[in-house]
Protein backbone atom coordinates (compact mmCIF):
# COMPACT_ATOMS: atom_id res chain seq x y z
CA MET A 1 221.22 -93.91 146.36
CA ASN A 2 220.25 -90.34 147.27
CA SER A 3 217.76 -89.00 144.75
CA LYS A 4 216.51 -85.42 144.56
CA LEU A 5 213.16 -86.66 145.87
CA ASP A 6 214.80 -88.25 148.93
CA THR A 7 216.72 -85.04 149.59
CA TYR A 8 213.51 -83.01 149.26
CA ASP A 9 211.63 -85.35 151.60
CA GLU A 10 214.38 -85.18 154.25
CA HIS A 11 214.56 -81.39 154.01
CA HIS A 12 210.76 -81.05 154.08
CA LYS A 13 210.46 -83.28 157.16
CA SER A 14 213.16 -81.42 159.06
CA THR A 15 211.75 -78.03 158.03
CA GLU A 16 208.24 -79.12 158.94
CA ASN A 17 209.33 -80.41 162.35
CA ASN A 18 211.32 -77.26 163.12
CA LEU A 19 208.55 -74.97 161.94
CA PHE A 20 205.47 -76.44 163.58
CA ILE A 21 206.45 -77.98 166.89
CA GLY A 22 205.78 -75.28 169.44
CA SER A 23 205.19 -72.68 166.71
CA ARG A 24 202.17 -70.49 166.22
CA ILE A 25 199.93 -70.99 163.17
CA ASP A 26 200.51 -67.39 162.08
CA GLU A 27 204.21 -68.23 161.73
CA HIS A 28 203.45 -70.80 159.01
CA PRO A 29 204.78 -69.64 155.60
CA ALA A 30 201.33 -70.11 154.02
CA TRP A 31 199.45 -68.24 156.79
CA THR A 32 198.85 -65.15 154.63
CA SER A 33 196.88 -67.27 152.17
CA LEU A 34 195.38 -69.73 154.65
CA SER A 35 194.04 -67.02 156.93
CA ARG A 36 191.77 -65.76 154.15
CA VAL A 37 190.19 -69.13 153.28
CA PRO A 38 186.46 -68.83 154.06
CA GLU A 39 184.99 -71.42 156.41
CA THR A 40 181.49 -72.00 157.69
CA LEU A 41 181.15 -72.03 161.45
CA ILE A 42 178.22 -74.15 162.60
CA ALA A 43 176.45 -73.69 165.93
CA LEU A 44 174.73 -76.92 166.94
CA ILE A 45 171.33 -76.43 168.54
CA PRO A 46 169.58 -79.65 169.58
CA LEU A 47 166.07 -79.94 168.14
CA ARG A 48 165.29 -83.53 169.11
CA LYS A 49 161.59 -83.38 168.28
CA PHE A 50 162.05 -81.49 164.98
CA THR A 51 160.72 -83.67 162.13
CA VAL A 52 160.73 -83.49 158.35
CA ARG A 53 157.02 -82.72 158.57
CA ALA A 54 157.77 -79.75 160.87
CA LEU A 55 160.44 -78.58 158.42
CA LEU A 56 157.97 -78.66 155.52
CA LEU A 57 155.35 -76.77 157.54
CA LEU A 58 157.65 -73.89 158.59
CA SER A 59 156.13 -70.45 158.26
CA THR A 60 157.18 -66.86 158.95
CA GLY A 61 157.05 -65.95 162.63
CA GLN A 62 156.86 -69.53 163.82
CA MET A 63 158.85 -70.42 166.96
CA ILE A 64 161.03 -73.53 167.09
CA PHE A 65 161.95 -74.61 170.61
CA SER A 66 165.25 -76.25 171.48
CA ASP A 67 165.74 -79.12 173.91
CA SER A 68 168.55 -77.26 175.67
CA SER A 69 168.21 -74.45 178.19
CA ALA A 70 169.24 -70.88 177.38
CA GLU A 71 172.05 -71.18 179.95
CA LYS A 72 173.68 -74.18 178.24
CA ASP A 73 176.59 -73.40 175.90
CA VAL A 74 176.13 -74.25 172.22
CA PRO A 75 178.90 -76.29 170.53
CA MET A 76 180.58 -74.55 167.56
CA LYS A 77 182.30 -76.52 164.78
CA ILE A 78 183.97 -76.12 161.42
CA GLY A 79 183.45 -79.37 159.59
CA GLN A 80 183.92 -82.15 162.16
CA THR A 81 186.30 -80.09 164.32
CA GLN A 82 184.99 -78.73 167.61
CA LEU A 83 186.38 -75.20 167.99
CA ALA A 84 184.50 -73.61 170.84
CA TRP A 85 181.27 -73.25 172.77
CA GLY A 86 179.17 -70.14 172.92
CA GLU A 87 175.95 -68.51 173.99
CA PHE A 88 173.48 -66.56 171.88
CA GLU A 89 172.91 -62.88 172.58
CA VAL A 90 171.06 -60.07 170.88
CA ILE A 91 173.14 -56.90 170.43
CA ASP A 92 171.51 -53.87 168.74
CA SER A 93 168.83 -56.13 167.20
CA VAL A 94 171.48 -58.46 165.76
CA MET A 95 171.85 -62.08 166.83
CA ALA A 96 175.38 -62.83 168.04
CA LEU A 97 177.20 -65.88 169.39
CA ARG A 98 179.56 -65.05 172.25
CA ILE A 99 182.43 -67.52 172.66
CA THR A 100 182.45 -68.81 176.23
CA LYS A 101 185.06 -71.57 175.92
CA VAL A 102 187.68 -72.46 173.31
CA ALA A 103 188.27 -76.15 172.57
């Protein structure tokens, strides 16, 4: 028996396969909406010796030192997805993260 739901599922699967395999994300029919969804990009800086006590004692002007060297790229994620690596730079007194490698 071929229900409307079965027909929809078959059409959706074939449309989905034709649309996404080898296609660019900006070709997706929902790209106009999806491209405006705000996300938080997180740069992971290892602070192995940073404790809750140190967090509670933070004060203005205090320096926090990382375990990694300045030359080492910083991993960048959205949620659990690794997107890229980057390095921090200061440009016109503004902190920036330059992408050095895309995942």
